[in-house]
Protein backbone atom coordinates (compact mmCIF):
# COMPACT_ATOMS: atom_id res chain seq x y z
CA UNK A 1 -0.07 0.01 0.05
CA UNK A 2 1.44 3.31 -1.13
CA UNK A 3 0.05 6.83 -0.41
CA UNK A 4 -0.20 10.12 -2.64
CA UNK A 5 -1.24 13.69 -2.01
CA UNK A 6 -4.75 14.74 -2.98
CA UNK A 7 -3.06 17.73 -4.99
CA UNK A 8 -0.72 15.38 -7.02
CA UNK A 9 2.63 16.60 -5.98
CA UNK A 10 3.53 13.48 -4.02
CA UNK A 11 3.37 9.76 -4.72
CA UNK A 12 4.65 6.37 -3.58
CA UNK A 13 5.12 7.25 0.01
CA UNK A 14 4.80 4.50 2.61
CA UNK A 15 2.69 4.25 5.82
CA UNK A 16 5.69 5.39 7.88
CA UNK A 17 6.27 8.48 5.92
CA UNK A 18 2.66 9.52 5.95
CA UNK A 19 2.45 8.83 9.67
CA UNK A 20 5.13 11.31 10.53
CA UNK A 21 3.80 13.97 8.02
CA UNK A 22 1.29 16.72 8.52
CA UNK A 23 0.00 18.17 5.31
CA UNK A 24 1.92 16.80 2.28
CA UNK A 25 4.47 19.06 0.89
CA UNK A 26 2.35 20.37 -1.87
CA UNK A 27 -0.44 21.39 0.70
CA UNK A 28 -2.60 18.36 0.01
CA UNK A 29 -3.69 15.45 2.35
CA UNK A 30 -2.42 11.90 2.13
CA UNK A 31 -4.68 9.09 0.71
CA UNK A 32 -3.94 5.48 -0.25
CA UNK A 33 -3.27 5.44 -3.89
CA UNK A 34 -5.97 2.89 -4.40
CA UNK A 35 -8.98 1.96 -2.09
CA UNK A 36 -9.24 -1.74 -1.38
CA UNK A 37 -12.56 -3.52 -1.62
CA UNK A 38 -13.95 -5.76 1.15
CA UNK A 39 -15.57 -8.93 0.00
CA UNK A 40 -18.76 -10.29 1.48
CA UNK A 41 -16.84 -13.36 2.57
CA UNK A 42 -14.26 -11.02 4.51
CA UNK A 43 -17.06 -9.18 6.17
CA UNK A 44 -18.62 -12.55 7.25
CA UNK A 45 -15.34 -13.58 8.87
CA UNK A 46 -15.09 -10.16 10.58
CA UNK A 47 -18.72 -10.21 11.82
CA UNK A 48 -17.88 -11.57 15.29
CA UNK A 49 -14.64 -9.82 16.05
CA UNK A 50 -14.21 -7.56 18.98
CA UNK A 51 -13.46 -3.86 18.24
CA UNK A 52 -9.72 -4.31 18.81
CA UNK A 53 -9.47 -7.29 16.67
CA UNK A 54 -11.49 -5.41 13.92
CA UNK A 55 -9.12 -2.52 14.25
CA UNK A 56 -6.31 -4.87 13.70
CA UNK A 57 -7.75 -6.32 10.61
CA UNK A 58 -8.45 -2.97 9.12
CA UNK A 59 -5.07 -1.47 9.88
CA UNK A 60 -3.32 -4.52 8.56
CA UNK A 61 -4.76 -3.69 5.11
CA UNK A 62 -3.07 -0.24 5.10
CA UNK A 63 0.16 -1.09 7.00
CA UNK A 64 2.53 -3.53 5.20
CA UNK A 65 4.04 -6.29 7.47
CA UNK A 66 7.67 -5.20 6.47
CA UNK A 67 6.86 -1.86 8.13
CA UNK A 68 5.15 -3.33 11.40
CA UNK A 69 5.05 -7.11 11.67
CA UNK A 70 1.62 -8.54 12.29
CA UNK A 71 2.36 -9.61 15.84
CA UNK A 72 3.88 -6.12 16.71
CA UNK A 73 0.80 -4.51 15.12
CA UNK A 74 -1.48 -6.67 17.24
CA UNK A 75 0.55 -5.77 20.49
CA UNK A 76 0.40 -2.04 19.63
CA UNK A 77 -3.32 -2.05 18.89
CA UNK A 78 -4.14 -4.09 22.04
CA UNK A 79 -1.96 -1.94 24.22
CA UNK A 80 -3.45 1.29 22.80
CA UNK A 81 -7.18 0.10 23.31
CA UNK A 82 -6.57 -1.28 26.89
CA UNK A 83 -7.94 0.68 29.79
CA UNK A 84 -11.13 1.86 28.29
CA UNK A 85 -14.01 2.13 30.88
CA UNK A 86 -16.10 -0.51 29.16
CA UNK A 87 -14.65 -3.97 28.30
CA UNK A 88 -15.72 -3.90 24.66
CA UNK A 89 -14.04 -0.45 24.16
CA UNK A 90 -17.10 0.85 22.19
CA UNK A 91 -20.57 -0.31 22.32
CA UNK A 92 -24.09 0.05 20.71
CA UNK A 93 -27.12 1.11 22.72
CA UNK A 94 -30.59 0.35 21.51
CA UNK A 95 -33.18 3.07 22.58
CA UNK A 96 -36.93 3.59 21.78
CA UNK A 97 -38.30 3.59 18.28
CA UNK A 98 -35.23 2.29 16.61
CA UNK A 99 -32.84 4.84 17.90
CA UNK A 100 -29.56 3.00 17.95
CA UNK A 101 -26.29 4.98 19.26
CA UNK A 102 -22.88 3.85 18.83
CA UNK A 103 -20.84 5.12 21.87
CA UNK A 104 -17.31 5.96 21.07
CA UNK A 105 -16.39 7.98 24.12
CA UNK A 106 -15.13 5.49 26.72
CA UNK A 107 -11.46 6.56 26.57
CA UNK A 108 -9.31 8.65 28.83
CA UNK A 109 -10.90 12.08 27.65
CA UNK A 110 -14.35 10.82 27.14
CA UNK A 111 -14.25 11.54 23.45
CA UNK A 112 -14.33 9.42 20.28
CA UNK A 113 -10.82 10.76 19.13
CA UNK A 114 -9.15 8.65 21.93
CA UNK A 115 -9.61 5.61 19.83
CA UNK A 116 -7.64 6.68 16.67
CA UNK A 117 -5.37 9.06 18.77
CA UNK A 118 -4.04 6.29 21.11
CA UNK A 119 -3.40 3.87 18.23
CA UNK A 120 -1.63 6.46 16.15
CA UNK A 121 0.40 7.57 19.06
CA UNK A 122 1.49 3.88 19.75
CA UNK A 123 2.40 3.59 16.06
CA UNK A 124 4.70 6.75 16.30
CA UNK A 125 6.29 5.44 19.59
CA UNK A 126 6.99 2.14 17.76
CA UNK A 127 8.99 3.77 14.96
CA UNK A 128 10.64 6.56 17.17
CA UNK A 129 12.15 3.83 19.41
CA UNK A 130 13.03 1.86 16.43
CA UNK A 131 15.00 4.62 14.77
CA UNK A 132 16.21 6.37 18.00
CA UNK A 133 14.76 9.73 17.08
CA UNK A 134 12.42 12.40 18.20
CA UNK A 135 9.28 14.02 16.87
CA UNK A 136 7.39 17.07 17.61
CA UNK A 137 3.59 17.11 17.34
CA UNK A 138 1.85 20.27 16.61
CA UNK A 139 -2.06 20.24 17.23
CA UNK A 140 -4.71 22.98 16.79
CA UNK A 141 -7.86 21.79 18.44
CA UNK A 142 -11.51 22.84 18.57
CA UNK A 143 -12.05 21.13 21.90
CA UNK A 144 -11.35 17.34 21.99
CA UNK A 145 -8.32 16.64 19.84
CA UNK A 146 -5.80 18.52 21.88
CA UNK A 147 -6.91 16.66 25.12
CA UNK A 148 -6.81 13.38 23.46
CA UNK A 149 -3.30 14.01 22.09
CA UNK A 150 -2.03 15.18 25.33
CA UNK A 151 -3.36 12.13 27.23
CA UNK A 152 -2.23 9.69 24.62
CA UNK A 153 1.37 11.02 24.32
CA UNK A 154 2.01 12.28 27.83
CA UNK A 155 5.31 10.96 29.15
CA UNK A 156 6.53 9.33 26.06
CA UNK A 157 10.23 10.06 25.77
CA UNK A 158 10.68 10.50 22.01
CA UNK A 159 7.54 12.84 21.54
CA UNK A 160 6.86 16.45 22.33
CA UNK A 161 3.28 17.66 21.99
CA UNK A 162 2.40 21.37 21.26
CA UNK A 163 -1.24 22.01 21.59
CA UNK A 164 -3.04 25.43 20.76
CA UNK A 165 -6.83 25.80 21.75
CA UNK A 166 -9.24 28.62 21.42
CA UNK A 167 -9.49 30.23 24.84
CA UNK A 168 -13.24 30.74 25.78
CA UNK A 169 -14.64 28.59 23.02
CA UNK A 170 -14.48 25.11 24.70
CA UNK A 171 -15.75 23.78 27.79
CA UNK A 172 -14.03 24.14 31.20
CA UNK A 173 -13.47 20.39 31.29
CA UNK A 174 -11.98 20.23 27.88
CA UNK A 175 -9.68 23.16 28.93
CA UNK A 176 -8.75 21.44 32.24
CA UNK A 177 -8.01 18.13 30.71
CA UNK A 178 -5.27 20.09 28.70
CA UNK A 179 -3.78 22.56 31.01
CA UNK A 180 -3.54 20.18 34.04
CA UNK A 181 -1.15 17.88 32.29
CA UNK A 182 2.29 18.74 33.59
CA UNK A 183 4.30 16.19 31.91
CA UNK A 184 7.56 17.78 30.52
CA UNK A 185 6.64 16.74 26.93
CA UNK A 186 3.36 18.64 27.00
CA UNK A 187 3.06 22.29 25.86
CA UNK A 188 -0.23 24.01 25.83
CA UNK A 189 -1.09 27.44 24.37
CA UNK A 190 -4.46 29.33 24.77
CA UNK A 191 -5.17 31.54 21.73
CA UNK A 192 -7.41 34.53 21.68
CA UNK A 193 -9.33 33.38 18.42
CA UNK A 194 -11.20 30.56 16.93
CA UNK A 195 -9.98 27.11 15.91
CA UNK A 196 -9.89 28.36 12.29
CA UNK A 197 -7.75 31.41 13.27
CA UNK A 198 -5.38 28.84 14.93
CA UNK A 199 -5.19 26.84 11.65
CA UNK A 200 -3.44 29.85 9.79
CA UNK A 201 -0.15 29.97 11.65
CA UNK A 202 -0.16 26.12 11.82
CA UNK A 203 -0.41 25.68 8.15
CA UNK A 204 2.55 28.15 7.60
CA UNK A 205 4.58 26.15 10.01
CA UNK A 206 3.87 22.97 8.26
CA UNK A 207 4.62 24.42 4.89
CA UNK A 208 8.11 25.37 6.33
CA UNK A 209 9.95 22.15 5.03
CA UNK A 210 13.24 23.01 6.72
CA UNK A 211 11.43 23.29 10.08
CA UNK A 212 9.49 20.14 9.47
CA UNK A 213 12.57 18.09 8.65
CA UNK A 214 14.80 19.50 11.37
CA UNK A 215 12.36 19.04 14.16
CA UNK A 216 10.28 16.09 13.01
CA UNK A 217 7.26 18.31 12.98
CA UNK A 218 4.14 16.40 12.47
CA UNK A 219 0.23 16.56 13.08
CA UNK A 220 -2.12 14.46 15.07
CA UNK A 221 -5.20 16.25 13.77
CA UNK A 222 -7.49 14.11 11.59
CA UNK A 223 -5.50 15.39 8.67
CA UNK A 224 -2.97 12.62 9.80
CA UNK A 225 -3.99 9.47 7.58
CA UNK A 226 -3.59 7.13 10.59
CA UNK A 227 -6.42 8.78 12.44
CA UNK A 228 -8.80 8.39 9.49
CA UNK A 229 -7.59 4.77 8.90
CA UNK A 230 -8.54 3.79 12.52
CA UNK A 231 -11.90 5.61 12.15
CA UNK A 232 -12.67 3.40 9.15
CA UNK A 233 -13.37 0.85 11.86
CA UNK A 234 -16.26 2.77 13.41
CA UNK A 235 -18.63 2.29 10.31
CA UNK A 236 -17.49 -1.30 9.71
CA UNK A 237 -18.21 -2.17 13.34
CA UNK A 238 -21.64 -0.54 13.32
CA UNK A 239 -22.41 -2.37 10.16
CA UNK A 240 -21.22 -5.71 11.41
CA UNK A 241 -22.96 -5.51 14.69
CA UNK A 242 -26.20 -4.12 13.50
CA UNK A 243 -26.66 -6.20 10.33
CA UNK A 244 -26.77 -10.00 10.55
CA UNK A 245 -24.54 -10.96 7.55
CA UNK A 246 -24.41 -14.65 8.79
CA UNK A 247 -28.22 -14.88 8.01
CA UNK A 248 -27.83 -13.33 4.47
CA UNK A 249 -28.13 -15.81 1.59
CA UNK A 250 -25.07 -16.17 -0.53
CA UNK A 251 -25.17 -13.87 -3.57
CA UNK A 252 -27.90 -11.70 -2.03
CA UNK A 253 -27.11 -7.84 -1.87
CA UNK A 254 -26.14 -6.70 1.44
CA UNK A 255 -28.74 -4.38 3.19
CA UNK A 256 -28.14 -0.70 3.65
CA UNK A 257 -27.28 0.91 6.88
CA UNK A 258 -27.70 4.67 7.43
CA UNK A 259 -24.86 6.25 9.65
CA UNK A 260 -25.52 9.77 10.95
CA UNK A 261 -22.47 11.51 12.06
CA UNK A 262 -22.16 14.79 14.03
CA UNK A 263 -19.56 16.76 11.78
CA UNK A 264 -16.93 19.41 12.42
CA UNK A 265 -13.66 18.83 10.57
CA UNK A 266 -15.26 16.02 8.65
CA UNK A 267 -12.87 13.24 9.63
CA UNK A 268 -15.50 10.72 10.79
CA UNK A 269 -17.68 11.25 7.85
CA UNK A 270 -14.70 11.05 5.54
CA UNK A 271 -13.92 7.69 6.98
CA UNK A 272 -17.42 6.43 6.45
CA UNK A 273 -17.17 7.71 2.88
CA UNK A 274 -14.08 5.71 2.33
CA UNK A 275 -15.64 2.53 3.93
CA UNK A 276 -18.63 3.06 1.32
CA UNK A 277 -15.94 2.92 -1.40
CA UNK A 278 -14.68 -0.24 0.07
CA UNK A 279 -17.95 -1.85 -0.54
CA UNK A 280 -20.10 -1.40 2.43
CA UNK A 281 -23.76 -0.19 1.54
CA UNK A 282 -23.79 2.77 3.67
CA UNK A 283 -26.00 5.85 3.44
CA UNK A 284 -24.02 8.71 5.03
CA UNK A 285 -25.58 11.66 6.76
CA UNK A 286 -23.43 14.56 8.15
CA UNK A 287 -25.17 16.65 10.74
CA UNK A 288 -23.64 20.01 11.64
CA UNK A 289 -24.32 22.92 14.03
CA UNK A 290 -24.74 26.56 13.01
CA UNK A 291 -21.24 26.44 11.30
CA UNK A 292 -23.03 24.82 8.29
CA UNK A 293 -20.34 25.09 5.56
CA UNK A 294 -20.68 21.19 4.97
CA UNK A 295 -24.45 21.56 4.71
CA UNK A 296 -24.38 24.45 2.44
CA UNK A 297 -21.84 22.62 0.11
CA UNK A 298 -24.07 19.53 -0.14
CA UNK A 299 -27.46 21.27 -0.56
CA UNK A 300 -26.49 24.20 -2.90
CA UNK A 301 -22.77 23.66 -4.08
CA UNK A 302 -21.63 26.71 -2.15
CA UNK A 303 -18.38 25.61 -0.49
CA UNK A 304 -17.63 28.80 1.42
CA UNK A 305 -16.80 29.95 4.92
CA UNK A 306 -18.94 32.48 6.86
CA UNK A 307 -17.10 35.61 8.05
CA UNK A 308 -16.84 34.34 11.58
CA UNK A 309 -17.12 31.16 13.48
CA UNK A 310 -20.27 30.82 15.41
CA UNK A 311 -20.02 29.78 19.02
CA UNK A 312 -22.45 26.95 19.80
CA UNK A 313 -23.35 24.39 22.42
CA UNK A 314 -21.44 21.86 20.47
CA UNK A 315 -17.90 23.55 20.49
CA UNK A 316 -15.86 20.76 18.92
CA UNK A 317 -17.90 21.29 15.70
CA UNK A 318 -17.44 25.01 15.67
CA UNK A 319 -15.40 24.91 12.59
CA UNK A 320 -15.76 26.84 9.15
CA UNK A 321 -12.80 25.01 7.43
CA UNK A 322 -13.83 21.24 7.26
CA UNK A 323 -10.40 20.27 5.99
CA UNK A 324 -11.21 16.63 5.43
CA UNK A 325 -13.61 17.67 2.65
CA UNK A 326 -10.55 17.60 0.43
CA UNK A 327 -10.23 14.04 0.79
CA UNK A 328 -13.96 13.56 -0.07
CA UNK A 329 -13.55 15.71 -3.17
CA UNK A 330 -10.49 13.53 -4.15
CA UNK A 331 -12.54 10.42 -3.84
CA UNK A 332 -15.60 11.89 -5.56
CA UNK A 333 -13.63 13.14 -8.51
CA UNK A 334 -11.73 9.71 -9.07
CA UNK A 335 -8.33 11.04 -7.73
CA UNK A 336 -8.29 13.96 -10.14
CA UNK A 337 -5.50 15.89 -8.35
CA UNK A 338 -5.55 18.91 -10.57
CA UNK A 339 -9.25 19.61 -9.94
CA UNK A 340 -8.84 19.04 -6.18
CA UNK A 341 -5.90 21.39 -6.09
CA UNK A 342 -7.87 24.02 -8.06
CA UNK A 343 -10.80 23.63 -5.68
CA UNK A 344 -8.92 23.85 -2.46
CA UNK A 345 -6.39 26.59 -3.39
CA UNK A 346 -9.38 28.75 -4.34
CA UNK A 347 -11.19 27.97 -1.23
CA UNK A 348 -8.12 28.67 0.87
CA UNK A 349 -7.32 31.95 -0.89
CA UNK A 350 -10.83 33.40 -1.07
CA UNK A 351 -12.61 31.22 1.53
CA UNK A 352 -15.35 30.30 -1.21
CA UNK A 353 -15.66 27.97 -4.14
CA UNK A 354 -18.88 27.25 -6.30
CA UNK A 355 -18.91 23.34 -7.07
CA UNK A 356 -19.51 22.67 -10.82
CA UNK A 357 -22.91 21.19 -11.47
CA UNK A 358 -21.69 17.66 -11.97
CA UNK A 359 -19.51 17.83 -8.96
CA UNK A 360 -22.24 18.96 -6.83
CA UNK A 361 -24.55 16.15 -8.12
CA UNK A 362 -21.88 13.59 -7.22
CA UNK A 363 -21.66 14.97 -3.69
CA UNK A 364 -25.46 14.96 -3.27
CA UNK A 365 -25.70 11.42 -4.46
CA UNK A 366 -23.08 10.24 -1.87
CA UNK A 367 -23.92 12.38 1.21
CA UNK A 368 -26.85 13.94 2.88
CA UNK A 369 -26.70 16.71 5.50
CA UNK A 370 -28.72 18.75 8.09
CA UNK A 371 -28.04 21.52 10.33
CA UNK A 372 -29.15 22.18 13.96
CA UNK A 373 -29.20 25.23 16.08
CA UNK A 374 -28.64 25.44 19.85
CA UNK A 375 -32.40 25.29 20.53
CA UNK A 376 -32.68 22.10 18.50
CA UNK A 377 -29.71 20.64 20.32
CA UNK A 378 -31.41 21.32 23.76
CA UNK A 379 -34.74 20.00 22.59
CA UNK A 380 -33.10 16.96 21.41
CA UNK A 381 -31.24 16.37 24.73
CA UNK A 382 -34.46 16.73 26.55
CA UNK A 383 -36.58 14.45 24.38
CA UNK A 384 -33.96 11.72 24.28
CA UNK A 385 -33.94 11.86 28.16
CA UNK A 386 -37.66 11.96 28.59
CA UNK A 387 -38.16 8.89 26.15
CA UNK A 388 -35.16 6.84 27.19
CA UNK A 389 -33.63 8.24 30.37
CA UNK A 390 -30.51 8.45 28.34
CA UNK A 391 -28.33 11.78 28.24
CA UNK A 392 -26.51 12.61 25.17
CA UNK A 393 -23.84 15.26 24.78
CA UNK A 394 -24.72 18.38 22.53
CA UNK A 395 -22.66 17.01 19.62
CA UNK A 396 -24.43 13.69 19.72
CA UNK A 397 -27.59 15.60 19.93
CA UNK A 398 -26.75 17.24 16.65
CA UNK A 399 -26.88 13.71 15.10
CA UNK A 400 -29.84 12.46 17.14
CA UNK A 401 -32.00 15.50 16.04
CA UNK A 402 -32.14 13.68 12.69
CA UNK A 403 -33.90 10.82 14.31
CA UNK A 404 -36.61 12.95 15.57
CA UNK A 405 -37.08 15.28 12.66
CA UNK A 406 -36.28 13.19 9.57
CA UNK A 407 -38.80 10.30 8.88
CA UNK A 408 -37.11 7.27 7.25
CA UNK A 409 -37.82 3.98 5.87
CA UNK A 410 -38.23 1.52 8.81
CA UNK A 411 -36.74 -1.32 6.62
CA UNK A 412 -33.45 0.59 6.61
CA UNK A 413 -31.50 0.54 9.89
CA UNK A 414 -30.01 3.69 11.22
CA UNK A 415 -26.98 4.27 13.54
CA UNK A 416 -26.12 7.54 15.36
CA UNK A 417 -22.53 8.27 16.27
CA UNK A 418 -22.06 9.42 19.78
CA UNK A 419 -18.80 11.21 19.85
CA UNK A 420 -18.45 12.40 23.46
CA UNK A 421 -19.68 11.88 26.90
CA UNK A 422 -22.16 14.35 28.33
CA UNK A 423 -19.93 14.62 31.35
CA UNK A 424 -17.69 17.05 29.28
CA UNK A 425 -20.54 19.46 28.55
CA UNK A 426 -22.13 20.16 31.95
CA UNK A 427 -23.31 23.66 30.96
CA UNK A 428 -25.29 22.20 27.95
CA UNK A 429 -26.71 19.50 30.14
CA UNK A 430 -27.92 21.96 32.60
CA UNK A 431 -29.30 24.22 30.02
CA UNK A 432 -31.52 21.33 28.87
CA UNK A 433 -32.78 20.97 32.45
CA UNK A 434 -30.98 17.73 32.89
CA UNK A 435 -28.26 16.25 35.29
CA UNK A 436 -25.36 13.94 34.75
CA UNK A 437 -23.09 12.44 37.36
CA UNK A 438 -19.51 13.37 36.76
CA UNK A 439 -16.99 10.45 36.72
CA UNK A 440 -14.30 10.98 39.58
CA UNK A 441 -11.64 11.73 37.03
CA UNK A 442 -13.46 14.70 35.91
CA UNK A 443 -14.29 15.88 39.47
CA UNK A 444 -10.55 15.66 40.42
CA UNK A 445 -9.52 18.12 37.45
CA UNK A 446 -10.57 21.14 39.77
CA UNK A 447 -7.84 20.18 42.30
CA UNK A 448 -4.97 20.07 39.82
CA UNK A 449 -2.44 22.65 39.05
CA UNK A 450 -2.45 24.13 35.62
CA UNK A 451 0.27 25.18 33.04
CA UNK A 452 -0.10 26.92 29.72
CA UNK A 453 0.93 30.03 27.73
CA UNK A 454 -1.16 32.80 26.11
CA UNK A 455 -1.28 33.72 22.49
CA UNK A 456 -2.80 37.19 22.62
CA UNK A 457 -4.73 38.99 19.94
CA UNK A 458 -2.00 41.55 18.71
CA UNK A 459 -2.26 43.66 15.52
CA UNK A 460 -0.31 41.09 13.63
CA UNK A 461 -1.61 38.18 15.68
CA UNK A 462 -1.18 35.34 13.13
CA UNK A 463 2.43 36.06 12.48
CA UNK A 464 3.06 36.61 16.17
CA UNK A 465 1.52 33.24 17.01
CA UNK A 466 3.52 31.52 14.32
CA UNK A 467 6.85 33.06 15.78
CA UNK A 468 6.06 32.10 19.32
CA UNK A 469 5.13 28.53 18.46
CA UNK A 470 8.22 28.34 16.28
CA UNK A 471 10.44 29.48 19.09
CA UNK A 472 8.91 26.90 21.52
CA UNK A 473 9.44 24.14 19.02
CA UNK A 474 13.15 25.33 18.61
CA UNK A 475 13.73 25.67 22.38
CA UNK A 476 12.13 22.33 23.49
CA UNK A 477 14.49 20.55 20.92
CA UNK A 478 17.46 22.45 22.16
CA UNK A 479 16.66 21.19 25.76
CA UNK A 480 16.17 17.60 24.51
CA UNK A 481 19.54 17.65 22.51
CA UNK A 482 21.22 18.89 25.74
CA UNK A 483 19.61 16.17 27.89
CA UNK A 484 17.71 18.63 29.89
CA UNK A 485 14.16 18.96 31.05
CA UNK A 486 12.27 21.89 29.58
CA UNK A 487 10.35 22.85 32.51
CA UNK A 488 11.88 23.59 35.90
């Protein structure tokens, strides 16, 4: 399996190269050069596998054994997915009137990102130890990615993690999960801006190839292919555990499963899209909050950002640049890198692009969308509790709103992706008039010491943030090369 950039400037990279990359050198995103197909026979064999075993099988398709031998891969994935709060790691919950929820939030930071993040970090650690080298992870977060990266990588000797979060635009629990980690390899910055503002200096840092090569600079956002690769398993697991393939007569077409995904950076929905191309009959629905660029793109062909990011009750989805859409365009357009490059460069320069009519039709044929405001989020949280005594987080509520407001064919099964625990979003839970008992690990955050640096809103803030982050990356490496700790 080899990898290429969505913009055509890079081909023939292997998994290890892509793992340690951020954006491709040409500004694109990495994808497999070809998408493998899963046969019905293979899916039948996988149908009774546990989640970790299924992750192992999916990952082995994309990671050659000469890079990570199978027994090593099995050990890494097993280790990464140990310690979750439910024995099965993820689980499905069947509620009233066919409401089926796939809970992905039973990791350290109570968010779905723990699943792919921990596996990816274990892959990184494997190569760093093997090659006796270091890497620096640079992460911009809209809420959950930063905490997950920190808790997955804390204490790892070959890895420094630099996280930038938007001050005042995430919940207190999300913030505390980041700023209370005092490990010497964790470096946290609070920026006076949105997650899309943070993306500007980060893109420039990743575009500096000398910096990338000298400091092993890489990303753990879902632009990293390894994150998407692990997330493929979510849709496959949901399909195999909700559709009884063992009862399906040989030669009969497989039944369709509708997967409804709360969407911000579009990583999870992109993973579902890849799984669909691998042969699973999925009907994909991307649900967004008031930051509705994905919805506008699908319904009208208007791929454009609003002037500002709207703060909502679902802060991890407060994104106007759903960067994984680039991967979706590449898949839809049959790997036409020149077209993808044109679309994305226009979007990045002017923050707007109008899809050609045939491109728009392709997108509509493969993806449905909806948008939910804060009132809809609260209404959904209340109704789900009243009918099921089950509390959903505001992000999951964006997806579940679809259950209550979009009638569907009862013959088609539906699955709603639950991306985070309601424990992380107490303000939204309380606004809905509900209560949710906090786990002890969350209650303990209030007693912990914090450490972070500010990125203030100056006249030339984007350049200033870039310079401060650059200096931090350089000074951390200098300390490491001297065998010193970075913090006193």
